[in-house]
Amino acid sequence: MKFTALVAIIEDKDEEAAIDVAKEAGAGGVTILHGKNIGLEEKKVFFGLTLEENVSVLLFVLPRKLSLKVMKAIRTKFDLDNAQNGGLVFTLPLSHVAGLDTNELHKFEDDIKSMI
């Protein structure tokens, strides 16, 4: 089975909703990283404090066939084709993977069989 890393960068407030959408589309476990979005434009300053957007980076390891389904679900739910929404989702091919839960592997196999 070939795997893909799906990375979704979304606003913190949408973190739980994005995880729910991904799980409904067939994703299993997720690793969540927290960060700040720094764009090309200068950030707003309020009483000497810089206002930065907090973001969540969701990292999923998925079978390649399932990754596009999950990506499409996140993309549609958060209207990521509209640059104004500030989110981003992309995939990266993985050549070697170790440490996946065997129960999750069986779930992936069942999901892919039902897609065929």
PDB file of N, CA and C in Angstrom:
ATOM      1  N   MET A   1       0.851  -1.168   0.000  1.00  0.00           N
ATOM      2  CA  MET A   1       0.000   0.000   0.000  1.00  0.00           C
ATOM      3  C   MET A   1       0.901   1.236   0.000  1.00  0.00           C
ATOM      4  N   LYS A   2       0.645   2.182  -0.895  1.00  0.00           N
ATOM      5  CA  LYS A   2       1.429   3.414  -0.961  1.00  0.00           C
ATOM      6  C   LYS A   2       0.750   4.486  -0.106  1.00  0.00           C
ATOM      7  N   PHE A   3       1.597   5.260   0.602  1.00  0.00           N
ATOM      8  CA  PHE A   3       1.068   6.254   1.530  1.00  0.00           C
ATOM      9  C   PHE A   3       1.425   7.672   1.105  1.00  0.00           C
ATOM     10  N   THR A   4       0.610   8.591   1.587  1.00  0.00           N
ATOM     11  CA  THR A   4       0.761  10.016   1.326  1.00  0.00           C
ATOM     12  C   THR A   4       0.615  10.764   2.643  1.00  0.00           C
ATOM     13  N   ALA A   5       1.377  11.832   2.804  1.00  0.00           N
ATOM     14  CA  ALA A   5       1.182  12.736   3.937  1.00  0.00           C
ATOM     15  C   ALA A   5       0.269  13.856   3.461  1.00  0.00           C
ATOM     16  N   LEU A   6      -0.850  14.020   4.121  1.00  0.00           N
ATOM     17  CA  LEU A   6      -1.766  15.117   3.812  1.00  0.00           C
ATOM     18  C   LEU A   6      -1.576  16.168   4.894  1.00  0.00           C
ATOM     19  N   VAL A   7      -1.279  17.392   4.484  1.00  0.00           N
ATOM     20  CA  VAL A   7      -1.051  18.487   5.417  1.00  0.00           C
ATOM     21  C   VAL A   7      -2.129  19.538   5.190  1.00  0.00           C
ATOM     22  N   ALA A   8      -2.857  19.867   6.242  1.00  0.00           N
ATOM     23  CA  ALA A   8      -3.884  20.906   6.173  1.00  0.00           C
ATOM     24  C   ALA A   8      -3.508  21.999   7.163  1.00  0.00           C
ATOM     25  N   ILE A   9      -3.398  23.225   6.663  1.00  0.00           N
ATOM     26  CA  ILE A   9      -3.100  24.371   7.516  1.00  0.00           C
ATOM     27  C   ILE A   9      -4.360  25.217   7.562  1.00  0.00           C
ATOM     28  N   ILE A  10      -4.946  25.304   8.745  1.00  0.00           N
ATOM     29  CA  ILE A  10      -6.227  25.993   8.889  1.00  0.00           C
ATOM     30  C   ILE A  10      -6.208  26.862  10.143  1.00  0.00           C
ATOM     31  N   GLU A  11      -7.168  27.764  10.238  1.00  0.00           N
ATOM     32  CA  GLU A  11      -7.253  28.618  11.421  1.00  0.00           C
ATOM     33  C   GLU A  11      -7.538  27.759  12.648  1.00  0.00           C
ATOM     34  N   ASP A  12      -7.000  28.179  13.792  1.00  0.00           N
ATOM     35  CA  ASP A  12      -7.195  27.430  15.037  1.00  0.00           C
ATOM     36  C   ASP A  12      -8.666  27.159  15.329  1.00  0.00           C
ATOM     37  N   LYS A  13      -9.504  28.136  15.056  1.00  0.00           N
ATOM     38  CA  LYS A  13     -10.927  28.000  15.380  1.00  0.00           C
ATOM     39  C   LYS A  13     -11.599  26.882  14.579  1.00  0.00           C
ATOM     40  N   ASP A  14     -11.012  26.495  13.452  1.00  0.00           N
ATOM     41  CA  ASP A  14     -11.583  25.455  12.597  1.00  0.00           C
ATOM     42  C   ASP A  14     -10.952  24.082  12.814  1.00  0.00           C
ATOM     43  N   GLU A  15     -10.065  23.969  13.788  1.00  0.00           N
ATOM     44  CA  GLU A  15      -9.318  22.721  13.987  1.00  0.00           C
ATOM     45  C   GLU A  15     -10.226  21.508  14.186  1.00  0.00           C
ATOM     46  N   GLU A  16     -11.134  21.584  15.143  1.00  0.00           N
ATOM     47  CA  GLU A  16     -12.006  20.433  15.444  1.00  0.00           C
ATOM     48  C   GLU A  16     -12.898  20.086  14.258  1.00  0.00           C
ATOM     49  N   ALA A  17     -13.442  21.100  13.602  1.00  0.00           N
ATOM     50  CA  ALA A  17     -14.309  20.860  12.437  1.00  0.00           C
ATOM     51  C   ALA A  17     -13.524  20.184  11.318  1.00  0.00           C
ATOM     52  N   ALA A  18     -12.283  20.597  11.103  1.00  0.00           N
ATOM     53  CA  ALA A  18     -11.457  20.001  10.050  1.00  0.00           C
ATOM     54  C   ALA A  18     -11.143  18.539  10.365  1.00  0.00           C
ATOM     55  N   ILE A  19     -10.873  18.236  11.618  1.00  0.00           N
ATOM     56  CA  ILE A  19     -10.608  16.859  12.017  1.00  0.00           C
ATOM     57  C   ILE A  19     -11.854  16.002  11.808  1.00  0.00           C
ATOM     58  N   ASP A  20     -13.021  16.531  12.173  1.00  0.00           N
ATOM     59  CA  ASP A  20     -14.272  15.803  11.988  1.00  0.00           C
ATOM     60  C   ASP A  20     -14.533  15.524  10.509  1.00  0.00           C
ATOM     61  N   VAL A  21     -14.315  16.533   9.658  1.00  0.00           N
ATOM     62  CA  VAL A  21     -14.515  16.364   8.212  1.00  0.00           C
ATOM     63  C   VAL A  21     -13.571  15.297   7.664  1.00  0.00           C
ATOM     64  N   ALA A  22     -12.321  15.345   8.091  1.00  0.00           N
ATOM     65  CA  ALA A  22     -11.327  14.375   7.619  1.00  0.00           C
ATOM     66  C   ALA A  22     -11.692  12.959   8.059  1.00  0.00           C
ATOM     67  N   LYS A  23     -12.127  12.813   9.301  1.00  0.00           N
ATOM     68  CA  LYS A  23     -12.495  11.483   9.793  1.00  0.00           C
ATOM     69  C   LYS A  23     -13.727  10.947   9.072  1.00  0.00           C
ATOM     70  N   GLU A  24     -14.690  11.817   8.786  1.00  0.00           N
ATOM     71  CA  GLU A  24     -15.874  11.398   8.024  1.00  0.00           C
ATOM     72  C   GLU A  24     -15.480  10.921   6.626  1.00  0.00           C
ATOM     73  N   ALA A  25     -14.416  11.497   6.077  1.00  0.00           N
ATOM     74  CA  ALA A  25     -13.953  11.119   4.733  1.00  0.00           C
ATOM     75  C   ALA A  25     -13.054   9.881   4.758  1.00  0.00           C
ATOM     76  N   GLY A  26     -12.729   9.375   5.964  1.00  0.00           N
ATOM     77  CA  GLY A  26     -11.958   8.139   6.048  1.00  0.00           C
ATOM     78  C   GLY A  26     -10.608   8.233   6.722  1.00  0.00           C
ATOM     79  N   ALA A  27     -10.204   9.427   7.150  1.00  0.00           N
ATOM     80  CA  ALA A  27      -8.901   9.578   7.809  1.00  0.00           C
ATOM     81  C   ALA A  27      -8.924   8.931   9.183  1.00  0.00           C
ATOM     82  N   GLY A  28      -7.776   8.502   9.635  1.00  0.00           N
ATOM     83  CA  GLY A  28      -7.650   7.918  10.966  1.00  0.00           C
ATOM     84  C   GLY A  28      -7.059   8.939  11.915  1.00  0.00           C
ATOM     85  N   GLY A  29      -5.893   8.611  12.467  1.00  0.00           N
ATOM     86  CA  GLY A  29      -5.236   9.491  13.420  1.00  0.00           C
ATOM     87  C   GLY A  29      -4.659  10.737  12.758  1.00  0.00           C
ATOM     88  N   VAL A  30      -4.421  11.744  13.572  1.00  0.00           N
ATOM     89  CA  VAL A  30      -3.891  13.015  13.091  1.00  0.00           C
ATOM     90  C   VAL A  30      -2.868  13.534  14.095  1.00  0.00           C
ATOM     91  N   THR A  31      -1.844  14.188  13.589  1.00  0.00           N
ATOM     92  CA  THR A  31      -0.884  14.899  14.432  1.00  0.00           C
ATOM     93  C   THR A  31      -1.172  16.383  14.251  1.00  0.00           C
ATOM     94  N   ILE A  32      -1.286  17.100  15.372  1.00  0.00           N
ATOM     95  CA  ILE A  32      -1.649  18.515  15.328  1.00  0.00           C
ATOM     96  C   ILE A  32      -0.471  19.348  15.815  1.00  0.00           C
ATOM     97  N   LEU A  33      -0.081  20.310  14.976  1.00  0.00           N
ATOM     98  CA  LEU A  33       0.967  21.265  15.334  1.00  0.00           C
ATOM     99  C   LEU A  33       0.335  22.653  15.366  1.00  0.00           C
ATOM    100  N   HIS A  34       0.790  23.494  16.273  1.00  0.00           N
ATOM    101  CA  HIS A  34       0.256  24.850  16.351  1.00  0.00           C
ATOM    102  C   HIS A  34       1.329  25.841  15.912  1.00  0.00           C
ATOM    103  N   GLY A  35       0.906  26.858  15.188  1.00  0.00           N
ATOM    104  CA  GLY A  35       1.849  27.840  14.682  1.00  0.00           C
ATOM    105  C   GLY A  35       1.195  29.182  14.461  1.00  0.00           C
ATOM    106  N   LYS A  36       1.943  30.061  13.845  1.00  0.00           N
ATOM    107  CA  LYS A  36       1.457  31.403  13.522  1.00  0.00           C
ATOM    108  C   LYS A  36       1.648  31.644  12.042  1.00  0.00           C
ATOM    109  N   ASN A  37       0.686  32.284  11.447  1.00  0.00           N
ATOM    110  CA  ASN A  37       0.730  32.592  10.030  1.00  0.00           C
ATOM    111  C   ASN A  37       1.350  33.970   9.839  1.00  0.00           C
ATOM    112  N   ILE A  38       2.466  34.030   9.132  1.00  0.00           N
ATOM    113  CA  ILE A  38       3.126  35.297   8.852  1.00  0.00           C
ATOM    114  C   ILE A  38       3.154  35.456   7.345  1.00  0.00           C
ATOM    115  N   GLY A  39       2.403  36.415   6.832  1.00  0.00           N
ATOM    116  CA  GLY A  39       2.320  36.635   5.395  1.00  0.00           C
ATOM    117  C   GLY A  39       3.300  37.697   4.926  1.00  0.00           C
ATOM    118  N   LEU A  40       3.157  38.093   3.684  1.00  0.00           N
ATOM    119  CA  LEU A  40       4.038  39.106   3.103  1.00  0.00           C
ATOM    120  C   LEU A  40       3.715  40.512   3.591  1.00  0.00           C
ATOM    121  N   GLU A  41       2.446  40.731   3.936  1.00  0.00           N
ATOM    122  CA  GLU A  41       2.048  42.064   4.388  1.00  0.00           C
ATOM    123  C   GLU A  41       2.387  42.239   5.858  1.00  0.00           C
ATOM    124  N   GLU A  42       2.672  43.486   6.238  1.00  0.00           N
ATOM    125  CA  GLU A  42       2.995  43.782   7.626  1.00  0.00           C
ATOM    126  C   GLU A  42       1.762  43.558   8.491  1.00  0.00           C
ATOM    127  N   LYS A  43       1.958  42.969   9.668  1.00  0.00           N
ATOM    128  CA  LYS A  43       0.858  42.658  10.568  1.00  0.00           C
ATOM    129  C   LYS A  43       0.355  43.912  11.266  1.00  0.00           C
ATOM    130  N   LYS A  44      -0.891  43.840  11.695  1.00  0.00           N
ATOM    131  CA  LYS A  44      -1.504  44.948  12.439  1.00  0.00           C
ATOM    132  C   LYS A  44      -0.896  45.025  13.830  1.00  0.00           C
ATOM    133  N   VAL A  45      -0.712  46.248  14.314  1.00  0.00           N
ATOM    134  CA  VAL A  45      -0.180  46.456  15.655  1.00  0.00           C
ATOM    135  C   VAL A  45      -1.240  47.171  16.475  1.00  0.00           C
ATOM    136  N   PHE A  46      -1.528  46.644  17.660  1.00  0.00           N
ATOM    137  CA  PHE A  46      -2.539  47.208  18.540  1.00  0.00           C
ATOM    138  C   PHE A  46      -1.921  47.381  19.917  1.00  0.00           C
ATOM    139  N   PHE A  47      -1.767  48.621  20.362  1.00  0.00           N
ATOM    140  CA  PHE A  47      -1.112  48.932  21.631  1.00  0.00           C
ATOM    141  C   PHE A  47       0.258  48.270  21.749  1.00  0.00           C
ATOM    142  N   GLY A  48       1.001  48.275  20.670  1.00  0.00           N
ATOM    143  CA  GLY A  48       2.346  47.732  20.669  1.00  0.00           C
ATOM    144  C   GLY A  48       2.436  46.221  20.506  1.00  0.00           C
ATOM    145  N   LEU A  49       1.293  45.549  20.439  1.00  0.00           N
ATOM    146  CA  LEU A  49       1.282  44.094  20.258  1.00  0.00           C
ATOM    147  C   LEU A  49       0.956  43.768  18.811  1.00  0.00           C
ATOM    148  N   THR A  50       1.712  42.876  18.233  1.00  0.00           N
ATOM    149  CA  THR A  50       1.461  42.455  16.858  1.00  0.00           C
ATOM    150  C   THR A  50       0.368  41.393  16.867  1.00  0.00           C
ATOM    151  N   LEU A  51      -0.647  41.600  16.042  1.00  0.00           N
ATOM    152  CA  LEU A  51      -1.738  40.640  15.935  1.00  0.00           C
ATOM    153  C   LEU A  51      -1.396  39.629  14.844  1.00  0.00           C
ATOM    154  N   GLU A  52      -1.148  38.412  15.240  1.00  0.00           N
ATOM    155  CA  GLU A  52      -0.813  37.352  14.300  1.00  0.00           C
ATOM    156  C   GLU A  52      -1.929  36.315  14.324  1.00  0.00           C
ATOM    157  N   GLU A  53      -2.120  35.666  13.198  1.00  0.00           N
ATOM    158  CA  GLU A  53      -3.138  34.631  13.106  1.00  0.00           C
ATOM    159  C   GLU A  53      -2.560  33.303  13.590  1.00  0.00           C
ATOM    160  N   ASN A  54      -3.222  32.699  14.551  1.00  0.00           N
ATOM    161  CA  ASN A  54      -2.807  31.373  15.006  1.00  0.00           C
ATOM    162  C   ASN A  54      -3.419  30.328  14.077  1.00  0.00           C
ATOM    163  N   VAL A  55      -2.617  29.339  13.720  1.00  0.00           N
ATOM    164  CA  VAL A  55      -3.081  28.287  12.817  1.00  0.00           C
ATOM    165  C   VAL A  55      -2.786  26.916  13.415  1.00  0.00           C
ATOM    166  N   SER A  56      -3.524  25.938  12.923  1.00  0.00           N
ATOM    167  CA  SER A  56      -3.269  24.543  13.262  1.00  0.00           C
ATOM    168  C   SER A  56      -2.789  23.849  12.002  1.00  0.00           C
ATOM    169  N   VAL A  57      -1.756  23.047  12.149  1.00  0.00           N
ATOM    170  CA  VAL A  57      -1.244  22.237  11.045  1.00  0.00           C
ATOM    171  C   VAL A  57      -1.634  20.801  11.361  1.00  0.00           C
ATOM    172  N   LEU A  58      -2.507  20.236  10.527  1.00  0.00           N
ATOM    173  CA  LEU A  58      -2.981  18.872  10.721  1.00  0.00           C
ATOM    174  C   LEU A  58      -2.215  17.958   9.771  1.00  0.00           C
ATOM    175  N   LEU A  59      -1.580  16.945  10.305  1.00  0.00           N
ATOM    176  CA  LEU A  59      -0.777  16.020   9.510  1.00  0.00           C
ATOM    177  C   LEU A  59      -1.400  14.628   9.572  1.00  0.00           C
ATOM    178  N   PHE A  60      -1.837  14.149   8.418  1.00  0.00           N
ATOM    179  CA  PHE A  60      -2.435  12.821   8.298  1.00  0.00           C
ATOM    180  C   PHE A  60      -1.514  11.944   7.442  1.00  0.00           C
ATOM    181  N   VAL A  61      -1.358  10.680   7.791  1.00  0.00           N
ATOM    182  CA  VAL A  61      -0.680   9.701   6.945  1.00  0.00           C
ATOM    183  C   VAL A  61      -1.776   8.774   6.441  1.00  0.00           C
ATOM    184  N   LEU A  62      -1.975   8.796   5.122  1.00  0.00           N
ATOM    185  CA  LEU A  62      -3.104   8.094   4.514  1.00  0.00           C
ATOM    186  C   LEU A  62      -2.659   7.283   3.306  1.00  0.00           C
ATOM    187  N   PRO A  63      -3.413   6.245   2.976  1.00  0.00           N
ATOM    188  CA  PRO A  63      -3.169   5.576   1.697  1.00  0.00           C
ATOM    189  C   PRO A  63      -3.413   6.579   0.564  1.00  0.00           C
ATOM    190  N   ARG A  64      -2.647   6.481  -0.476  1.00  0.00           N
ATOM    191  CA  ARG A  64      -2.726   7.457  -1.565  1.00  0.00           C
ATOM    192  C   ARG A  64      -4.143   7.582  -2.125  1.00  0.00           C
ATOM    193  N   LYS A  65      -4.840   6.459  -2.302  1.00  0.00           N
ATOM    194  CA  LYS A  65      -6.191   6.506  -2.864  1.00  0.00           C
ATOM    195  C   LYS A  65      -7.166   7.247  -1.958  1.00  0.00           C
ATOM    196  N   LEU A  66      -6.957   7.183  -0.670  1.00  0.00           N
ATOM    197  CA  LEU A  66      -7.853   7.828   0.279  1.00  0.00           C
ATOM    198  C   LEU A  66      -7.513   9.304   0.477  1.00  0.00           C
ATOM    199  N   SER A  67      -6.263   9.678   0.265  1.00  0.00           N
ATOM    200  CA  SER A  67      -5.822  11.045   0.548  1.00  0.00           C
ATOM    201  C   SER A  67      -6.565  12.090  -0.292  1.00  0.00           C
ATOM    202  N   LEU A  68      -6.854  11.777  -1.548  1.00  0.00           N
ATOM    203  CA  LEU A  68      -7.564  12.747  -2.389  1.00  0.00           C
ATOM    204  C   LEU A  68      -8.990  12.959  -1.918  1.00  0.00           C
ATOM    205  N   LYS A  69      -9.625  11.906  -1.412  1.00  0.00           N
ATOM    206  CA  LYS A  69     -10.988  12.030  -0.879  1.00  0.00           C
ATOM    207  C   LYS A  69     -10.996  12.939   0.352  1.00  0.00           C
ATOM    208  N   VAL A  70     -10.044  12.734   1.246  1.00  0.00           N
ATOM    209  CA  VAL A  70      -9.957  13.542   2.463  1.00  0.00           C
ATOM    210  C   VAL A  70      -9.610  14.991   2.103  1.00  0.00           C
ATOM    211  N   MET A  71      -8.671  15.161   1.179  1.00  0.00           N
ATOM    212  CA  MET A  71      -8.270  16.501   0.751  1.00  0.00           C
ATOM    213  C   MET A  71      -9.467  17.251   0.161  1.00  0.00           C
ATOM    214  N   LYS A  72     -10.229  16.592  -0.678  1.00  0.00           N
ATOM    215  CA  LYS A  72     -11.396  17.222  -1.298  1.00  0.00           C
ATOM    216  C   LYS A  72     -12.433  17.622  -0.249  1.00  0.00           C
ATOM    217  N   ALA A  73     -12.637  16.789   0.753  1.00  0.00           N
ATOM    218  CA  ALA A  73     -13.602  17.087   1.808  1.00  0.00           C
ATOM    219  C   ALA A  73     -13.192  18.336   2.589  1.00  0.00           C
ATOM    220  N   ILE A  74     -11.916  18.448   2.946  1.00  0.00           N
ATOM    221  CA  ILE A  74     -11.424  19.620   3.685  1.00  0.00           C
ATOM    222  C   ILE A  74     -11.491  20.859   2.792  1.00  0.00           C
ATOM    223  N   ARG A  75     -11.059  20.692   1.563  1.00  0.00           N
ATOM    224  CA  ARG A  75     -11.050  21.802   0.593  1.00  0.00           C
ATOM    225  C   ARG A  75     -12.456  22.370   0.385  1.00  0.00           C
ATOM    226  N   THR A  76     -13.440  21.489   0.270  1.00  0.00           N
ATOM    227  CA  THR A  76     -14.822  21.915   0.054  1.00  0.00           C
ATOM    228  C   THR A  76     -15.409  22.561   1.302  1.00  0.00           C
ATOM    229  N   LYS A  77     -15.237  21.928   2.462  1.00  0.00           N
ATOM    230  CA  LYS A  77     -15.813  22.426   3.718  1.00  0.00           C
ATOM    231  C   LYS A  77     -15.326  23.834   4.048  1.00  0.00           C
ATOM    232  N   PHE A  78     -14.045  24.118   3.821  1.00  0.00           N
ATOM    233  CA  PHE A  78     -13.471  25.407   4.209  1.00  0.00           C
ATOM    234  C   PHE A  78     -13.235  26.328   3.016  1.00  0.00           C
ATOM    235  N   ASP A  79     -13.792  25.982   1.854  1.00  0.00           N
ATOM    236  CA  ASP A  79     -13.709  26.800   0.639  1.00  0.00           C
ATOM    237  C   ASP A  79     -12.274  27.283   0.406  1.00  0.00           C
ATOM    238  N   LEU A  80     -11.341  26.341   0.359  1.00  0.00           N
ATOM    239  CA  LEU A  80      -9.928  26.682   0.249  1.00  0.00           C
ATOM    240  C   LEU A  80      -9.519  27.150  -1.142  1.00  0.00           C
ATOM    241  N   ASP A  81     -10.431  27.053  -2.112  1.00  0.00           N
ATOM    242  CA  ASP A  81     -10.139  27.612  -3.434  1.00  0.00           C
ATOM    243  C   ASP A  81     -10.215  29.132  -3.399  1.00  0.00           C
ATOM    244  N   ASN A  82     -10.831  29.673  -2.358  1.00  0.00           N
ATOM    245  CA  ASN A  82     -10.940  31.113  -2.165  1.00  0.00           C
ATOM    246  C   ASN A  82      -9.766  31.560  -1.290  1.00  0.00           C
ATOM    247  N   ALA A  83      -8.812  32.272  -1.861  1.00  0.00           N
ATOM    248  CA  ALA A  83      -7.594  32.678  -1.137  1.00  0.00           C
ATOM    249  C   ALA A  83      -7.898  33.531   0.086  1.00  0.00           C
ATOM    250  N   GLN A  84      -9.064  34.153   0.127  1.00  0.00           N
ATOM    251  CA  GLN A  84      -9.449  35.001   1.270  1.00  0.00           C
ATOM    252  C   GLN A  84      -9.602  34.185   2.558  1.00  0.00           C
ATOM    253  N   ASN A  85      -9.840  32.878   2.430  1.00  0.00           N
ATOM    254  CA  ASN A  85     -10.094  32.053   3.611  1.00  0.00           C
ATOM    255  C   ASN A  85      -8.823  31.661   4.353  1.00  0.00           C
ATOM    256  N   GLY A  86      -7.675  31.846   3.742  1.00  0.00           N
ATOM    257  CA  GLY A  86      -6.408  31.687   4.445  1.00  0.00           C
ATOM    258  C   GLY A  86      -5.982  30.266   4.778  1.00  0.00           C
ATOM    259  N   GLY A  87      -6.636  29.272   4.248  1.00  0.00           N
ATOM    260  CA  GLY A  87      -6.227  27.899   4.527  1.00  0.00           C
ATOM    261  C   GLY A  87      -5.413  27.328   3.380  1.00  0.00           C
ATOM    262  N   LEU A  88      -4.808  26.185   3.644  1.00  0.00           N
ATOM    263  CA  LEU A  88      -3.986  25.525   2.640  1.00  0.00           C
ATOM    264  C   LEU A  88      -4.020  24.028   2.921  1.00  0.00           C
ATOM    265  N   VAL A  89      -4.115  23.234   1.866  1.00  0.00           N
ATOM    266  CA  VAL A  89      -4.050  21.787   2.023  1.00  0.00           C
ATOM    267  C   VAL A  89      -3.242  21.222   0.866  1.00  0.00           C
ATOM    268  N   PHE A  90      -2.328  20.287   1.180  1.00  0.00           N
ATOM    269  CA  PHE A  90      -1.502  19.687   0.135  1.00  0.00           C
ATOM    270  C   PHE A  90      -1.072  18.291   0.571  1.00  0.00           C
ATOM    271  N   THR A  91      -0.562  17.525  -0.393  1.00  0.00           N
ATOM    272  CA  THR A  91      -0.086  16.182  -0.096  1.00  0.00           C
ATOM    273  C   THR A  91       1.380  16.036  -0.494  1.00  0.00           C
ATOM    274  N   LEU A  92       2.042  15.104   0.162  1.00  0.00           N
ATOM    275  CA  LEU A  92       3.431  14.765  -0.140  1.00  0.00           C
ATOM    276  C   LEU A  92       3.535  13.244  -0.214  1.00  0.00           C
ATOM    277  N   PRO A  93       4.210  12.717  -1.238  1.00  0.00           N
ATOM    278  CA  PRO A  93       4.357  11.259  -1.309  1.00  0.00           C
ATOM    279  C   PRO A  93       5.327  10.768  -0.233  1.00  0.00           C
ATOM    280  N   LEU A  94       5.023   9.620   0.326  1.00  0.00           N
ATOM    281  CA  LEU A  94       5.904   9.001   1.320  1.00  0.00           C
ATOM    282  C   LEU A  94       6.469   7.717   0.728  1.00  0.00           C
ATOM    283  N   SER A  95       7.771   7.573   0.791  1.00  0.00           N
ATOM    284  CA  SER A  95       8.376   6.369   0.222  1.00  0.00           C
ATOM    285  C   SER A  95       8.524   5.263   1.266  1.00  0.00           C
ATOM    286  N   HIS A  96       8.672   5.622   2.534  1.00  0.00           N
ATOM    287  CA  HIS A  96       8.826   4.625   3.599  1.00  0.00           C
ATOM    288  C   HIS A  96       8.026   5.083   4.812  1.00  0.00           C
ATOM    289  N   VAL A  97       7.283   4.168   5.415  1.00  0.00           N
ATOM    290  CA  VAL A  97       6.484   4.488   6.595  1.00  0.00           C
ATOM    291  C   VAL A  97       6.646   3.368   7.610  1.00  0.00           C
ATOM    292  N   ALA A  98       6.868   3.718   8.856  1.00  0.00           N
ATOM    293  CA  ALA A  98       6.933   2.743   9.938  1.00  0.00           C
ATOM    294  C   ALA A  98       6.144   3.281  11.117  1.00  0.00           C
ATOM    295  N   GLY A  99       5.580   2.386  11.901  1.00  0.00           N
ATOM    296  CA  GLY A  99       4.915   2.793  13.133  1.00  0.00           C
ATOM    297  C   GLY A  99       3.416   2.978  13.037  1.00  0.00           C
ATOM    298  N   LEU A 100       2.799   2.662  11.891  1.00  0.00           N
ATOM    299  CA  LEU A 100       1.347   2.791  11.791  1.00  0.00           C
ATOM    300  C   LEU A 100       0.669   1.688  12.594  1.00  0.00           C
ATOM    301  N   ASP A 101      -0.415   2.031  13.240  1.00  0.00           N
ATOM    302  CA  ASP A 101      -1.209   1.094  14.020  1.00  0.00           C
ATOM    303  C   ASP A 101      -1.838   0.056  13.083  1.00  0.00           C
ATOM    304  N   THR A 102      -1.725  -1.220  13.417  1.00  0.00           N
ATOM    305  CA  THR A 102      -2.265  -2.272  12.546  1.00  0.00           C
ATOM    306  C   THR A 102      -3.786  -2.175  12.426  1.00  0.00           C
ATOM    307  N   ASN A 103      -4.472  -1.732  13.476  1.00  0.00           N
ATOM    308  CA  ASN A 103      -5.926  -1.550  13.389  1.00  0.00           C
ATOM    309  C   ASN A 103      -6.271  -0.477  12.363  1.00  0.00           C
ATOM    310  N   GLU A 104      -5.467   0.571  12.324  1.00  0.00           N
ATOM    311  CA  GLU A 104      -5.699   1.634  11.357  1.00  0.00           C
ATOM    312  C   GLU A 104      -5.425   1.142   9.935  1.00  0.00           C
ATOM    313  N   LEU A 105      -4.407   0.313   9.775  1.00  0.00           N
ATOM    314  CA  LEU A 105      -4.124  -0.262   8.457  1.00  0.00           C
ATOM    315  C   LEU A 105      -5.296  -1.101   7.956  1.00  0.00           C
ATOM    316  N   HIS A 106      -5.892  -1.903   8.849  1.00  0.00           N
ATOM    317  CA  HIS A 106      -7.051  -2.706   8.456  1.00  0.00           C
ATOM    318  C   HIS A 106      -8.241  -1.821   8.106  1.00  0.00           C
ATOM    319  N   LYS A 107      -8.416  -0.731   8.843  1.00  0.00           N
ATOM    320  CA  LYS A 107      -9.491   0.213   8.540  1.00  0.00           C
ATOM    321  C   LYS A 107      -9.282   0.806   7.147  1.00  0.00           C
ATOM    322  N   PHE A 108      -8.046   1.196   6.837  1.00  0.00           N
ATOM    323  CA  PHE A 108      -7.738   1.752   5.523  1.00  0.00           C
ATOM    324  C   PHE A 108      -8.041   0.740   4.418  1.00  0.00           C
ATOM    325  N   GLU A 109      -7.652  -0.505   4.650  1.00  0.00           N
ATOM    326  CA  GLU A 109      -7.915  -1.543   3.647  1.00  0.00           C
ATOM    327  C   GLU A 109      -9.411  -1.684   3.393  1.00  0.00           C
ATOM    328  N   ASP A 110     -10.202  -1.688   4.475  1.00  0.00           N
ATOM    329  CA  ASP A 110     -11.644  -1.814   4.343  1.00  0.00           C
ATOM    330  C   ASP A 110     -12.243  -0.616   3.619  1.00  0.00           C
ATOM    331  N   ASP A 111     -11.757   0.594   3.961  1.00  0.00           N
ATOM    332  CA  ASP A 111     -12.254   1.809   3.294  1.00  0.00           C
ATOM    333  C   ASP A 111     -11.952   1.789   1.806  1.00  0.00           C
ATOM    334  N   ILE A 112     -10.754   1.371   1.449  1.00  0.00           N
ATOM    335  CA  ILE A 112     -10.369   1.344   0.039  1.00  0.00           C
ATOM    336  C   ILE A 112     -11.161   0.286  -0.722  1.00  0.00           C
ATOM    337  N   LYS A 113     -11.400  -0.883  -0.091  1.00  0.00           N
ATOM    338  CA  LYS A 113     -12.215  -1.913  -0.725  1.00  0.00           C
ATOM    339  C   LYS A 113     -13.635  -1.414  -0.997  1.00  0.00           C
ATOM    340  N   SER A 114     -14.181  -0.625  -0.062  1.00  0.00           N
ATOM    341  CA  SER A 114     -15.545  -0.109  -0.245  1.00  0.00           C
ATOM    342  C   SER A 114     -15.590   0.971  -1.332  1.00  0.00           C
ATOM    343  N   MET A 115     -14.459   1.627  -1.608  1.00  0.00           N
ATOM    344  CA  MET A 115     -14.403   2.652  -2.656  1.00  0.00           C
ATOM    345  C   MET A 115     -14.378   2.026  -4.039  1.00  0.00           C
ATOM    346  N   ILE A 116     -13.892   0.796  -4.130  1.00  0.00           N
ATOM    347  CA  ILE A 116     -13.726   0.128  -5.426  1.00  0.00           C
ATOM    348  C   ILE A 116     -15.022  -0.470  -5.922  1.00  0.00           C
TER     349      ILE A 116
END
